[in-house]
C-alpha atoms as a PDB file:
ATOM      1  CA  MET A   1     -27.843  33.283  19.184  1.00  0.00           C
ATOM      2  CA  SER A   2     -25.468  31.560  16.782  1.00  0.00           C
ATOM      3  CA  ARG A   3     -22.143  30.528  18.225  1.00  0.00           C
ATOM      4  CA  LEU A   4     -18.724  29.919  16.692  1.00  0.00           C
ATOM      5  CA  TYR A   5     -16.163  27.462  18.008  1.00  0.00           C
ATOM      6  CA  LEU A   6     -12.517  26.904  17.124  1.00  0.00           C
ATOM      7  CA  ALA A   7     -12.003  23.232  16.292  1.00  0.00           C
ATOM      8  CA  PRO A   8      -9.356  20.959  17.772  1.00  0.00           C
ATOM      9  CA  MET A   9      -6.722  20.310  15.098  1.00  0.00           C
ATOM     10  CA  GLU A  10      -4.121  17.726  16.045  1.00  0.00           C
ATOM     11  CA  GLY A  11      -0.643  18.786  14.952  1.00  0.00           C
ATOM     12  CA  LEU A  12      -1.854  22.170  13.738  1.00  0.00           C
ATOM     13  CA  ALA A  13      -3.719  24.268  16.321  1.00  0.00           C
ATOM     14  CA  ASP A  14      -1.490  23.865  19.366  1.00  0.00           C
ATOM     15  CA  TYR A  15      -2.082  26.027  22.414  1.00  0.00           C
ATOM     16  CA  VAL A  16       0.055  28.860  21.028  1.00  0.00           C
ATOM     17  CA  LEU A  17      -1.978  29.101  17.819  1.00  0.00           C
ATOM     18  CA  ARG A  18      -5.187  28.767  19.871  1.00  0.00           C
ATOM     19  CA  ASP A  19      -3.952  31.765  21.840  1.00  0.00           C
ATOM     20  CA  VAL A  20      -3.382  33.788  18.655  1.00  0.00           C
ATOM     21  CA  LEU A  21      -6.616  32.843  16.876  1.00  0.00           C
ATOM     22  CA  THR A  22      -8.903  33.325  19.877  1.00  0.00           C
ATOM     23  CA  GLY A  23      -7.050  36.531  20.709  1.00  0.00           C
ATOM     24  CA  ILE A  24      -7.949  37.960  17.310  1.00  0.00           C
ATOM     25  CA  GLY A  25     -11.557  37.474  18.334  1.00  0.00           C
ATOM     26  CA  GLY A  26     -14.942  36.168  17.307  1.00  0.00           C
ATOM     27  CA  PHE A  27     -14.932  32.725  18.942  1.00  0.00           C
ATOM     28  CA  ASP A  28     -17.244  31.667  21.767  1.00  0.00           C
ATOM     29  CA  GLY A  29     -15.073  28.705  22.742  1.00  0.00           C
ATOM     30  CA  CYS A  30     -12.358  26.304  21.645  1.00  0.00           C
ATOM     31  CA  VAL A  31     -11.295  22.695  22.164  1.00  0.00           C
ATOM     32  CA  SER A  32      -7.794  21.403  22.874  1.00  0.00           C
ATOM     33  CA  GLU A  33      -5.885  18.981  20.719  1.00  0.00           C
ATOM     34  CA  PHE A  34      -6.800  15.481  21.885  1.00  0.00           C
ATOM     35  CA  ILE A  35      -5.048  14.000  24.893  1.00  0.00           C
ATOM     36  CA  ARG A  36      -4.641  10.276  24.355  1.00  0.00           C
ATOM     37  CA  VAL A  37      -5.873   7.895  27.035  1.00  0.00           C
ATOM     38  CA  THR A  38      -4.477   4.351  27.221  1.00  0.00           C
ATOM     39  CA  GLY A  39      -4.037   2.292  30.388  1.00  0.00           C
ATOM     40  CA  SER A  40      -3.389   4.811  33.117  1.00  0.00           C
ATOM     41  CA  VAL A  41      -4.695   7.985  34.678  1.00  0.00           C
ATOM     42  CA  LEU A  42      -2.683  10.795  33.154  1.00  0.00           C
ATOM     43  CA  PRO A  43      -1.006  13.152  35.635  1.00  0.00           C
ATOM     44  CA  THR A  44      -1.864  16.828  35.784  1.00  0.00           C
ATOM     45  CA  ARG A  45       1.444  17.781  34.185  1.00  0.00           C
ATOM     46  CA  VAL A  46       0.319  16.172  30.911  1.00  0.00           C
ATOM     47  CA  TYR A  47      -2.698  18.474  30.755  1.00  0.00           C
ATOM     48  CA  GLU A  48      -0.593  21.472  31.720  1.00  0.00           C
ATOM     49  CA  ARG A  49       1.826  20.663  28.901  1.00  0.00           C
ATOM     50  CA  GLU A  50      -0.739  19.970  26.182  1.00  0.00           C
ATOM     51  CA  ALA A  51      -3.415  22.438  27.269  1.00  0.00           C
ATOM     52  CA  PRO A  52      -1.848  25.108  29.498  1.00  0.00           C
ATOM     53  CA  GLU A  53      -5.229  26.834  29.598  1.00  0.00           C
ATOM     54  CA  VAL A  54      -6.043  24.536  32.535  1.00  0.00           C
ATOM     55  CA  LEU A  55      -3.729  26.727  34.609  1.00  0.00           C
ATOM     56  CA  ASP A  56      -6.226  29.560  34.115  1.00  0.00           C
ATOM     57  CA  ALA A  57      -9.448  27.685  34.883  1.00  0.00           C
ATOM     58  CA  GLY A  58      -9.779  26.508  31.292  1.00  0.00           C
ATOM     59  CA  HIS A  59      -9.398  29.869  29.530  1.00  0.00           C
ATOM     60  CA  THR A  60      -7.089  31.020  26.785  1.00  0.00           C
ATOM     61  CA  PRO A  61      -4.999  34.118  27.675  1.00  0.00           C
ATOM     62  CA  ASN A  62      -7.714  36.382  26.223  1.00  0.00           C
ATOM     63  CA  GLY A  63     -10.458  34.677  28.265  1.00  0.00           C
ATOM     64  CA  THR A  64     -12.001  32.341  25.683  1.00  0.00           C
ATOM     65  CA  PRO A  65     -13.339  29.153  27.339  1.00  0.00           C
ATOM     66  CA  MET A  66     -11.427  25.993  26.416  1.00  0.00           C
ATOM     67  CA  VAL A  67     -12.609  22.391  26.740  1.00  0.00           C
ATOM     68  CA  VAL A  68     -10.158  19.500  27.086  1.00  0.00           C
ATOM     69  CA  GLN A  69     -10.597  16.717  24.540  1.00  0.00           C
ATOM     70  CA  LEU A  70      -9.817  13.073  25.337  1.00  0.00           C
ATOM     71  CA  LEU A  71      -9.247  10.246  22.860  1.00  0.00           C
ATOM     72  CA  GLY A  72      -9.386   6.590  23.802  1.00  0.00           C
ATOM     73  CA  SER A  73     -11.369   3.379  23.404  1.00  0.00           C
ATOM     74  CA  ASP A  74     -11.581   1.832  26.884  1.00  0.00           C
ATOM     75  CA  PRO A  75     -14.661   3.005  28.840  1.00  0.00           C
ATOM     76  CA  GLU A  76     -13.098   2.517  32.278  1.00  0.00           C
ATOM     77  CA  TRP A  77      -9.868   4.385  31.578  1.00  0.00           C
ATOM     78  CA  MET A  78     -11.719   7.104  29.674  1.00  0.00           C
ATOM     79  CA  ALA A  79     -14.011   7.562  32.678  1.00  0.00           C
ATOM     80  CA  LEU A  80     -11.155   7.731  35.176  1.00  0.00           C
ATOM     81  CA  ASN A  81      -9.272  10.252  33.055  1.00  0.00           C
ATOM     82  CA  ALA A  82     -12.375  12.304  32.385  1.00  0.00           C
ATOM     83  CA  ALA A  83     -13.016  12.574  36.104  1.00  0.00           C
ATOM     84  CA  HIS A  84      -9.534  14.020  36.557  1.00  0.00           C
ATOM     85  CA  ALA A  85      -9.817  16.265  33.492  1.00  0.00           C
ATOM     86  CA  ALA A  86     -13.071  17.679  34.862  1.00  0.00           C
ATOM     87  CA  THR A  87     -11.198  19.070  37.848  1.00  0.00           C
ATOM     88  CA  LEU A  88      -8.938  20.989  35.451  1.00  0.00           C
ATOM     89  CA  SER A  89     -11.339  21.918  32.654  1.00  0.00           C
ATOM     90  CA  PRO A  90     -14.500  23.315  34.263  1.00  0.00           C
ATOM     91  CA  HIS A  91     -16.142  24.132  30.917  1.00  0.00           C
ATOM     92  CA  GLY A  92     -16.453  20.470  30.001  1.00  0.00           C
ATOM     93  CA  VAL A  93     -14.802  17.328  28.681  1.00  0.00           C
ATOM     94  CA  ASP A  94     -15.006  16.511  24.979  1.00  0.00           C
ATOM     95  CA  LEU A  95     -14.587  13.001  23.528  1.00  0.00           C
ATOM     96  CA  ASN A  96     -12.924  12.436  20.160  1.00  0.00           C
ATOM     97  CA  PHE A  97     -14.649   9.948  17.844  1.00  0.00           C
ATOM     98  CA  GLY A  98     -13.556  11.599  14.630  1.00  0.00           C
ATOM     99  CA  CYS A  99      -9.765  11.543  14.289  1.00  0.00           C
ATOM    100  CA  PRO A 100      -8.901   9.859  10.946  1.00  0.00           C
ATOM    101  CA  ALA A 101      -5.154   9.483  11.620  1.00  0.00           C
ATOM    102  CA  LYS A 102      -3.823   5.990  10.883  1.00  0.00           C
ATOM    103  CA  VAL A 103      -1.664   5.848  14.011  1.00  0.00           C
ATOM    104  CA  VAL A 104      -4.783   6.505  16.108  1.00  0.00           C
ATOM    105  CA  ASN A 105      -7.109   4.228  14.144  1.00  0.00           C
ATOM    106  CA  GLN A 106      -4.655   1.317  14.292  1.00  0.00           C
ATOM    107  CA  HIS A 107      -5.238   1.234  18.050  1.00  0.00           C
ATOM    108  CA  GLY A 108      -9.010   1.320  17.718  1.00  0.00           C
ATOM    109  CA  GLY A 109      -9.419   4.983  18.644  1.00  0.00           C
ATOM    110  CA  GLY A 110     -10.838   8.064  16.993  1.00  0.00           C
ATOM    111  CA  ALA A 111     -13.036   7.485  13.947  1.00  0.00           C
ATOM    112  CA  MET A 112     -12.593   3.685  14.068  1.00  0.00           C
ATOM    113  CA  LEU A 113     -15.048   3.596  16.983  1.00  0.00           C
ATOM    114  CA  LEU A 114     -17.790   4.694  14.590  1.00  0.00           C
ATOM    115  CA  ALA A 115     -17.969   1.062  13.447  1.00  0.00           C
ATOM    116  CA  ASP A 116     -19.340   0.124  16.892  1.00  0.00           C
ATOM    117  CA  PRO A 117     -22.189   2.347  18.150  1.00  0.00           C
ATOM    118  CA  GLU A 118     -22.612   0.186  21.263  1.00  0.00           C
ATOM    119  CA  GLN A 119     -19.014   0.870  22.289  1.00  0.00           C
ATOM    120  CA  LEU A 120     -19.557   4.581  21.726  1.00  0.00           C
ATOM    121  CA  ASN A 121     -22.502   4.397  24.099  1.00  0.00           C
ATOM    122  CA  ARG A 122     -20.492   2.486  26.701  1.00  0.00           C
ATOM    123  CA  ILE A 123     -17.681   5.068  26.613  1.00  0.00           C
ATOM    124  CA  VAL A 124     -19.937   8.119  26.882  1.00  0.00           C
ATOM    125  CA  SER A 125     -22.103   6.510  29.557  1.00  0.00           C
ATOM    126  CA  ALA A 126     -19.041   5.653  31.653  1.00  0.00           C
ATOM    127  CA  VAL A 127     -17.617   9.154  31.278  1.00  0.00           C
ATOM    128  CA  ARG A 128     -20.938  10.804  32.057  1.00  0.00           C
ATOM    129  CA  ALA A 129     -21.274   8.730  35.231  1.00  0.00           C
ATOM    130  CA  ALA A 130     -17.742   9.631  36.345  1.00  0.00           C
ATOM    131  CA  VAL A 131     -17.919  13.381  35.728  1.00  0.00           C
ATOM    132  CA  PRO A 132     -19.770  15.764  38.091  1.00  0.00           C
ATOM    133  CA  ALA A 133     -23.260  16.628  36.896  1.00  0.00           C
ATOM    134  CA  ASP A 134     -22.402  20.310  36.431  1.00  0.00           C
ATOM    135  CA  ILE A 135     -19.565  19.509  33.985  1.00  0.00           C
ATOM    136  CA  LEU A 136     -20.672  19.041  30.381  1.00  0.00           C
ATOM    137  CA  VAL A 137     -19.636  15.927  28.472  1.00  0.00           C
ATOM    138  CA  THR A 138     -19.650  16.475  24.707  1.00  0.00           C
ATOM    139  CA  ALA A 139     -18.522  14.484  21.678  1.00  0.00           C
ATOM    140  CA  LYS A 140     -17.127  15.042  18.195  1.00  0.00           C
ATOM    141  CA  MET A 141     -17.822  12.499  15.462  1.00  0.00           C
ATOM    142  CA  ARG A 142     -17.594  11.925  11.723  1.00  0.00           C
ATOM    143  CA  LEU A 143     -20.232  10.319   9.524  1.00  0.00           C
ATOM    144  CA  GLY A 144     -18.670   6.859   9.725  1.00  0.00           C
ATOM    145  CA  VAL A 145     -15.584   4.866   8.832  1.00  0.00           C
ATOM    146  CA  SER A 146     -15.965   4.014   5.157  1.00  0.00           C
ATOM    147  CA  ASP A 147     -19.634   4.903   4.646  1.00  0.00           C
ATOM    148  CA  THR A 148     -22.547   6.654   6.343  1.00  0.00           C
ATOM    149  CA  SER A 149     -24.642   3.564   7.108  1.00  0.00           C
ATOM    150  CA  LEU A 150     -24.158   3.891  10.893  1.00  0.00           C
ATOM    151  CA  ALA A 151     -24.140   7.684  11.156  1.00  0.00           C
ATOM    152  CA  ILE A 152     -27.563   7.968  12.794  1.00  0.00           C
ATOM    153  CA  ASP A 153     -26.905   4.971  15.055  1.00  0.00           C
ATOM    154  CA  CYS A 154     -23.620   6.504  16.235  1.00  0.00           C
ATOM    155  CA  ALA A 155     -25.136   9.902  16.928  1.00  0.00           C
ATOM    156  CA  THR A 156     -28.039   8.322  18.791  1.00  0.00           C
ATOM    157  CA  ALA A 157     -25.669   6.177  20.848  1.00  0.00           C
ATOM    158  CA  LEU A 158     -23.670   9.232  21.881  1.00  0.00           C
ATOM    159  CA  ALA A 159     -26.725  11.293  22.749  1.00  0.00           C
ATOM    160  CA  GLU A 160     -28.376   8.486  24.709  1.00  0.00           C
ATOM    161  CA  GLY A 161     -25.089   7.854  26.503  1.00  0.00           C
ATOM    162  CA  GLY A 162     -25.202  11.354  27.950  1.00  0.00           C
ATOM    163  CA  ALA A 163     -23.406  13.635  25.497  1.00  0.00           C
ATOM    164  CA  ALA A 164     -24.791  17.142  26.019  1.00  0.00           C
ATOM    165  CA  SER A 165     -24.046  18.137  22.415  1.00  0.00           C
ATOM    166  CA  LEU A 166     -22.480  16.709  19.281  1.00  0.00           C
ATOM    167  CA  VAL A 167     -20.061  18.248  16.817  1.00  0.00           C
ATOM    168  CA  VAL A 168     -20.477  16.470  13.489  1.00  0.00           C
ATOM    169  CA  HIS A 169     -17.676  16.647  10.951  1.00  0.00           C
ATOM    170  CA  ALA A 170     -19.540  16.031   7.714  1.00  0.00           C
ATOM    171  CA  ARG A 171     -17.210  13.416   6.219  1.00  0.00           C
ATOM    172  CA  THR A 172     -16.311   9.799   6.888  1.00  0.00           C
ATOM    173  CA  ARG A 173     -12.899   8.695   8.047  1.00  0.00           C
ATOM    174  CA  ASP A 174     -12.046   7.483   4.539  1.00  0.00           C
ATOM    175  CA  HIS A 175     -13.014  10.870   3.115  1.00  0.00           C
ATOM    176  CA  GLY A 176     -10.228  12.401   5.201  1.00  0.00           C
ATOM    177  CA  TYR A 177     -10.304  16.117   4.452  1.00  0.00           C
ATOM    178  CA  ARG A 178     -11.236  15.859   0.780  1.00  0.00           C
ATOM    179  CA  PRO A 179     -14.098  18.109  -0.301  1.00  0.00           C
ATOM    180  CA  PRO A 180     -16.990  18.219  -0.291  1.00  0.00           C
ATOM    181  CA  ALA A 181     -18.387  18.104   3.216  1.00  0.00           C
ATOM    182  CA  HIS A 182     -21.795  16.434   3.304  1.00  0.00           C
ATOM    183  CA  TRP A 183     -23.695  18.982   5.378  1.00  0.00           C
ATOM    184  CA  GLU A 184     -27.020  17.390   4.451  1.00  0.00           C
ATOM    185  CA  TRP A 185     -26.060  14.461   6.693  1.00  0.00           C
ATOM    186  CA  ILE A 186     -25.684  16.820   9.628  1.00  0.00           C
ATOM    187  CA  ALA A 187     -29.324  17.828   9.080  1.00  0.00           C
ATOM    188  CA  ARG A 188     -30.359  14.166   9.258  1.00  0.00           C
ATOM    189  CA  ILE A 189     -28.429  13.662  12.475  1.00  0.00           C
ATOM    190  CA  ASP A 190     -29.839  16.854  13.962  1.00  0.00           C
ATOM    191  CA  ALA A 191     -33.359  15.593  13.281  1.00  0.00           C
ATOM    192  CA  ALA A 192     -32.594  12.226  14.895  1.00  0.00           C
ATOM    193  CA  VAL A 193     -31.171  13.319  18.270  1.00  0.00           C
ATOM    194  CA  ASP A 194     -32.491  15.424  21.124  1.00  0.00           C
ATOM    195  CA  VAL A 195     -29.260  17.295  21.875  1.00  0.00           C
ATOM    196  CA  PRO A 196     -27.748  20.343  20.133  1.00  0.00           C
ATOM    197  CA  VAL A 197     -25.713  19.575  17.007  1.00  0.00           C
ATOM    198  CA  ILE A 198     -22.838  21.761  15.854  1.00  0.00           C
ATOM    199  CA  ALA A 199     -21.842  21.651  12.177  1.00  0.00           C
ATOM    200  CA  ASN A 200     -18.207  21.216  11.147  1.00  0.00           C
ATOM    201  CA  GLY A 201     -16.288  20.748   7.930  1.00  0.00           C
ATOM    202  CA  GLU A 202     -15.226  22.723   4.846  1.00  0.00           C
ATOM    203  CA  VAL A 203     -16.053  26.213   6.133  1.00  0.00           C
ATOM    204  CA  TRP A 204     -13.428  28.473   4.568  1.00  0.00           C
ATOM    205  CA  THR A 205     -15.387  31.678   3.908  1.00  0.00           C
ATOM    206  CA  VAL A 206     -18.413  33.619   5.117  1.00  0.00           C
ATOM    207  CA  THR A 207     -20.330  32.201   2.158  1.00  0.00           C
ATOM    208  CA  ASP A 208     -19.382  28.656   3.219  1.00  0.00           C
ATOM    209  CA  TRP A 209     -20.610  29.415   6.753  1.00  0.00           C
ATOM    210  CA  GLU A 210     -23.925  30.669   5.400  1.00  0.00           C
ATOM    211  CA  ARG A 211     -24.359  27.605   3.181  1.00  0.00           C
ATOM    212  CA  CYS A 212     -23.312  25.219   5.948  1.00  0.00           C
ATOM    213  CA  ARG A 213     -25.957  26.633   8.288  1.00  0.00           C
ATOM    214  CA  ALA A 214     -28.609  26.596   5.576  1.00  0.00           C
ATOM    215  CA  VAL A 215     -27.953  22.995   4.502  1.00  0.00           C
ATOM    216  CA  SER A 216     -27.264  21.510   7.940  1.00  0.00           C
ATOM    217  CA  GLY A 217     -30.020  23.437   9.711  1.00  0.00           C
ATOM    218  CA  CYS A 218     -27.593  24.113  12.564  1.00  0.00           C
ATOM    219  CA  ASP A 219     -27.216  27.548  14.101  1.00  0.00           C
ATOM    220  CA  ASP A 220     -23.810  26.787  15.628  1.00  0.00           C
ATOM    221  CA  VAL A 221     -20.676  26.024  13.618  1.00  0.00           C
ATOM    222  CA  MET A 222     -17.178  24.841  14.499  1.00  0.00           C
ATOM    223  CA  ILE A 223     -14.394  26.149  12.258  1.00  0.00           C
ATOM    224  CA  GLY A 224     -11.011  24.468  11.862  1.00  0.00           C
ATOM    225  CA  ARG A 225      -8.656  24.868   8.926  1.00  0.00           C
ATOM    226  CA  GLY A 226     -10.700  27.795   7.629  1.00  0.00           C
ATOM    227  CA  ALA A 227      -9.646  29.811  10.683  1.00  0.00           C
ATOM    228  CA  VAL A 228      -6.017  28.844  10.148  1.00  0.00           C
ATOM    229  CA  SER A 229      -6.209  29.899   6.494  1.00  0.00           C
ATOM    230  CA  ASP A 230      -7.974  33.179   7.367  1.00  0.00           C
ATOM    231  CA  PRO A 231      -7.416  34.168  11.015  1.00  0.00           C
ATOM    232  CA  PHE A 232     -10.103  36.855  10.663  1.00  0.00           C
ATOM    233  CA  LEU A 233     -12.819  34.485   9.438  1.00  0.00           C
ATOM    234  CA  ALA A 234     -14.718  34.555  12.746  1.00  0.00           C
ATOM    235  CA  LEU A 235     -14.713  38.363  12.716  1.00  0.00           C
ATOM    236  CA  ARG A 236     -15.914  38.381   9.098  1.00  0.00           C
ATOM    237  CA  ILE A 237     -18.775  36.066  10.056  1.00  0.00           C
ATOM    238  CA  ARG A 238     -19.628  38.394  12.936  1.00  0.00           C
ATOM    239  CA  GLY A 239     -19.827  41.291  10.496  1.00  0.00           C
ATOM    240  CA  LEU A 240     -16.906  43.059  12.192  1.00  0.00           C
ATOM    241  CA  MET A 241     -14.612  42.937   9.141  1.00  0.00           C
ATOM    242  CA  ASP A 242     -15.118  42.910   5.383  1.00  0.00           C
ATOM    243  CA  ARG A 243     -16.389  39.583   4.063  1.00  0.00           C
ATOM    244  CA  SER A 244     -13.404  39.156   1.739  1.00  0.00           C
ATOM    245  CA  PRO A 245      -9.679  39.246   2.615  1.00  0.00           C
ATOM    246  CA  SER A 246      -7.639  42.216   1.430  1.00  0.00           C
ATOM    247  CA  ASN A 247      -4.016  43.271   1.100  1.00  0.00           C
ATOM    248  CA  GLU A 248      -4.476  45.395   4.215  1.00  0.00           C
ATOM    249  CA  ASP A 249      -5.496  42.242   6.078  1.00  0.00           C
ATOM    250  CA  TRP A 250      -2.227  40.627   5.014  1.00  0.00           C
ATOM    251  CA  ARG A 251      -0.287  43.242   6.973  1.00  0.00           C
ATOM    252  CA  ASP A 252      -2.345  42.274  10.005  1.00  0.00           C
ATOM    253  CA  VAL A 253      -1.577  38.606   9.427  1.00  0.00           C
ATOM    254  CA  LEU A 254       2.149  39.381   9.350  1.00  0.00           C
ATOM    255  CA  GLY A 255       1.820  41.166  12.677  1.00  0.00           C
ATOM    256  CA  HIS A 256       0.036  38.212  14.235  1.00  0.00           C
ATOM    257  CA  MET A 257       2.560  35.788  12.742  1.00  0.00           C
ATOM    258  CA  ALA A 258       5.422  37.776  14.251  1.00  0.00           C
ATOM    259  CA  GLY A 259       3.639  37.594  17.602  1.00  0.00           C
ATOM    260  CA  TYR A 260       3.012  33.874  17.130  1.00  0.00           C
ATOM    261  CA  LEU A 261       6.692  33.214  16.570  1.00  0.00           C
ATOM    262  CA  ARG A 262       7.667  35.279  19.602  1.00  0.00           C
ATOM    263  CA  LYS A 263       5.258  33.256  21.725  1.00  0.00           C
ATOM    264  CA  LEU A 264       6.646  30.019  20.326  1.00  0.00           C
ATOM    265  CA  GLN A 265      10.163  31.104  21.183  1.00  0.00           C
ATOM    266  CA  ALA A 266       9.119  32.037  24.713  1.00  0.00           C
ATOM    267  CA  ARG A 267       6.746  29.183  25.533  1.00  0.00           C
ATOM    268  CA  VAL A 268       7.627  26.088  23.521  1.00  0.00           C
ATOM    269  CA  ALA A 269      10.588  24.010  24.645  1.00  0.00           C
ATOM    270  CA  SER A 270      11.598  22.755  21.218  1.00  0.00           C
ATOM    271  CA  ARG A 271      13.664  23.571  18.157  1.00  0.00           C
ATOM    272  CA  HIS A 272      10.785  23.278  15.720  1.00  0.00           C
ATOM    273  CA  GLU A 273       9.394  26.806  15.725  1.00  0.00           C
ATOM    274  CA  HIS A 274      10.433  27.213  12.087  1.00  0.00           C
ATOM    275  CA  GLY A 275       8.355  24.210  11.069  1.00  0.00           C
ATOM    276  CA  ARG A 276       5.247  25.520  12.819  1.00  0.00           C
ATOM    277  CA  VAL A 277       5.469  28.892  11.095  1.00  0.00           C
ATOM    278  CA  LYS A 278       5.929  27.226   7.712  1.00  0.00           C
ATOM    279  CA  LYS A 279       2.938  24.971   8.347  1.00  0.00           C
ATOM    280  CA  TRP A 280       0.751  27.969   9.155  1.00  0.00           C
ATOM    281  CA  LEU A 281       2.002  29.726   6.016  1.00  0.00           C
ATOM    282  CA  SER A 282       1.061  26.695   3.912  1.00  0.00           C
ATOM    283  CA  TYR A 283      -2.560  27.241   4.964  1.00  0.00           C
ATOM    284  CA  LEU A 284      -2.439  31.016   4.584  1.00  0.00           C
ATOM    285  CA  GLN A 285      -1.502  30.525   0.926  1.00  0.00           C
ATOM    286  CA  ARG A 286      -5.103  29.531   0.297  1.00  0.00           C
ATOM    287  CA  THR A 287      -6.185  33.079   1.161  1.00  0.00           C
ATOM    288  CA  TRP A 288      -3.242  35.348   0.360  1.00  0.00           C
ATOM    289  CA  PRO A 289      -0.718  34.859  -2.499  1.00  0.00           C
ATOM    290  CA  GLN A 290       1.774  36.849  -0.417  1.00  0.00           C
ATOM    291  CA  ALA A 291       1.972  33.862   1.921  1.00  0.00           C
ATOM    292  CA  ALA A 292       3.463  31.759  -0.875  1.00  0.00           C
ATOM    293  CA  GLU A 293       6.161  34.366  -1.425  1.00  0.00           C
ATOM    294  CA  LEU A 294       7.006  34.480   2.260  1.00  0.00           C
ATOM    295  CA  HIS A 295       7.004  30.693   2.468  1.00  0.00           C
ATOM    296  CA  ALA A 296       9.480  30.553  -0.432  1.00  0.00           C
ATOM    297  CA  ALA A 297      11.699  33.119   1.302  1.00  0.00           C
ATOM    298  CA  ILE A 298      12.017  31.031   4.481  1.00  0.00           C
ATOM    299  CA  ARG A 299      11.713  27.532   3.018  1.00  0.00           C
ATOM    300  CA  ARG A 300      15.327  26.605   3.770  1.00  0.00           C
ATOM    301  CA  VAL A 301      15.680  28.689   6.935  1.00  0.00           C
ATOM    302  CA  GLN A 302      15.676  26.773  10.213  1.00  0.00           C
ATOM    303  CA  ASP A 303      16.760  29.483  12.633  1.00  0.00           C
ATOM    304  CA  SER A 304      13.658  31.021  14.175  1.00  0.00           C
ATOM    305  CA  GLN A 305      15.304  34.409  14.685  1.00  0.00           C
ATOM    306  CA  GLU A 306      16.179  34.588  10.992  1.00  0.00           C
ATOM    307  CA  ILE A 307      12.548  33.834  10.175  1.00  0.00           C
ATOM    308  CA  GLN A 308      11.462  36.519  12.629  1.00  0.00           C
ATOM    309  CA  ASP A 309      13.728  39.013  10.837  1.00  0.00           C
ATOM    310  CA  VAL A 310      12.229  38.092   7.451  1.00  0.00           C
ATOM    311  CA  ILE A 311       8.697  38.561   8.792  1.00  0.00           C
ATOM    312  CA  GLU A 312       9.576  41.889  10.398  1.00  0.00           C
ATOM    313  CA  ARG A 313      11.107  43.137   7.152  1.00  0.00           C
ATOM    314  CA  ALA A 314       7.977  42.108   5.273  1.00  0.00           C
ATOM    315  CA  LEU A 315       5.851  43.844   7.855  1.00  0.00           C
ATOM    316  CA  GLY A 316       7.885  47.035   7.752  1.00  0.00           C
ATOM    317  CA  VAL A 317       8.554  49.401  10.598  1.00  0.00           C
ATOM    318  CA  GLY A 318       5.774  49.402  13.176  1.00  0.00           C
ATOM    319  CA  GLN A 319       2.342  47.844  13.070  1.00  0.00           C
ATOM    320  CA  SER A 320      -0.469  48.913  10.774  1.00  0.00           C
ATOM    321  CA  MET A 321      -3.476  50.732  12.162  1.00  0.00           C
ATOM    322  CA  ALA A 322      -5.527  47.730  11.082  1.00  0.00           C
ATOM    323  CA  THR A 323      -3.546  45.492  13.422  1.00  0.00           C
ATOM    324  CA  HIS A 324      -4.407  47.771  16.309  1.00  0.00           C
ATOM    325  CA  ARG A 325      -8.014  47.743  15.109  1.00  0.00           C
ATOM    326  CA  SER A 326      -8.101  43.926  15.232  1.00  0.00           C
ATOM    327  CA  GLY A 327      -6.648  44.023  18.724  1.00  0.00           C
ATOM    328  CA  ARG A 328      -9.409  46.352  19.877  1.00  0.00           C
ATOM    329  CA  LEU A 329     -12.058  44.124  18.317  1.00  0.00           C
ATOM    330  CA  SER A 330     -10.792  41.098  20.213  1.00  0.00           C
ATOM    331  CA  GLN A 331     -11.217  42.978  23.492  1.00  0.00           C
ATOM    332  CA  ARG A 332     -14.815  44.031  22.881  1.00  0.00           C
ATOM    333  CA  ASP A 333     -17.590  42.975  25.169  1.00  0.00           C
ATOM    334  CA  PRO A 334     -18.903  39.545  24.046  1.00  0.00           C
ATOM    335  CA  ALA A 335     -22.289  41.117  23.392  1.00  0.00           C
ATOM    336  CA  ASP A 336     -20.681  43.157  20.605  1.00  0.00           C
ATOM    337  CA  LEU A 337     -19.661  39.926  18.885  1.00  0.00           C
ATOM    338  CA  ALA A 338     -23.186  38.632  18.396  1.00  0.00           C
ATOM    339  CA  VAL A 339     -24.016  37.325  14.955  1.00  0.00           C
ATOM    340  CA  VAL A 340     -26.427  39.626  13.182  1.00  0.00           C
END
């Protein structure tokens, strides 16, 4: 059975947005934003702050399994932190070898490790040895740093080191997030390793998902920015909503955005709620032109309650029947969410 996962997206899909997107429905699992490992064992409070799902045995509020992701370059410290993370995240520990951010790469982490397959193997081997056998260790990688010459070597190093599965983002670090994604490389990696491979990159629509699976040869797909741009993408893939977004869907989005902002106000100890809503709107503009209008209306507004009022006015009095419909879909038995 094909599975869908919500990707970790540093600086974008925080735990509140993970809550909203998995609550809408259609995802089999999700991964936290990376937790950076340096020269110490991080205390439990760090995990509780960055991935509060650990307080509920590694589940989002709607029950979707969540895996904690670690980022670091030192095998010993990664192993020690993974051992602790495994006590908090029973669904597994994921290792980040794909982050293209300069601040991460300058310290030798993330995608920069793809220049050294032997170090990848040392890190995964150390983590696998430190984590209980019943806890999965997985990894997420790109195709390389500046080219794909070591892509197969890196994937093989991770698999032989003990990674139970690999998520492959089909671009190099230098590609960043520029299209296209090179799904054909995922097929090559899948043929070279003996562990499951999950395809990732440039899946914005149901058609993209179909093409990604066809080209990569992978049944399972991880969706990132596509789910932020269309929160109902997983349900569309499942065949539980129309394949194409509609104006009626936009009313649903407004309802979920109002809920998102309320959760931010209640759960996030910061004054940056307005920035998070605007960032989400910048992605929604790809799918709905109404998002651009709303973004323009709140561009200079920094008070979150004022933004809430603007959203509520746009939504109108009460919620649409479609919003209630989406809520019911997210509560269905998982068997009803099987890909057909």
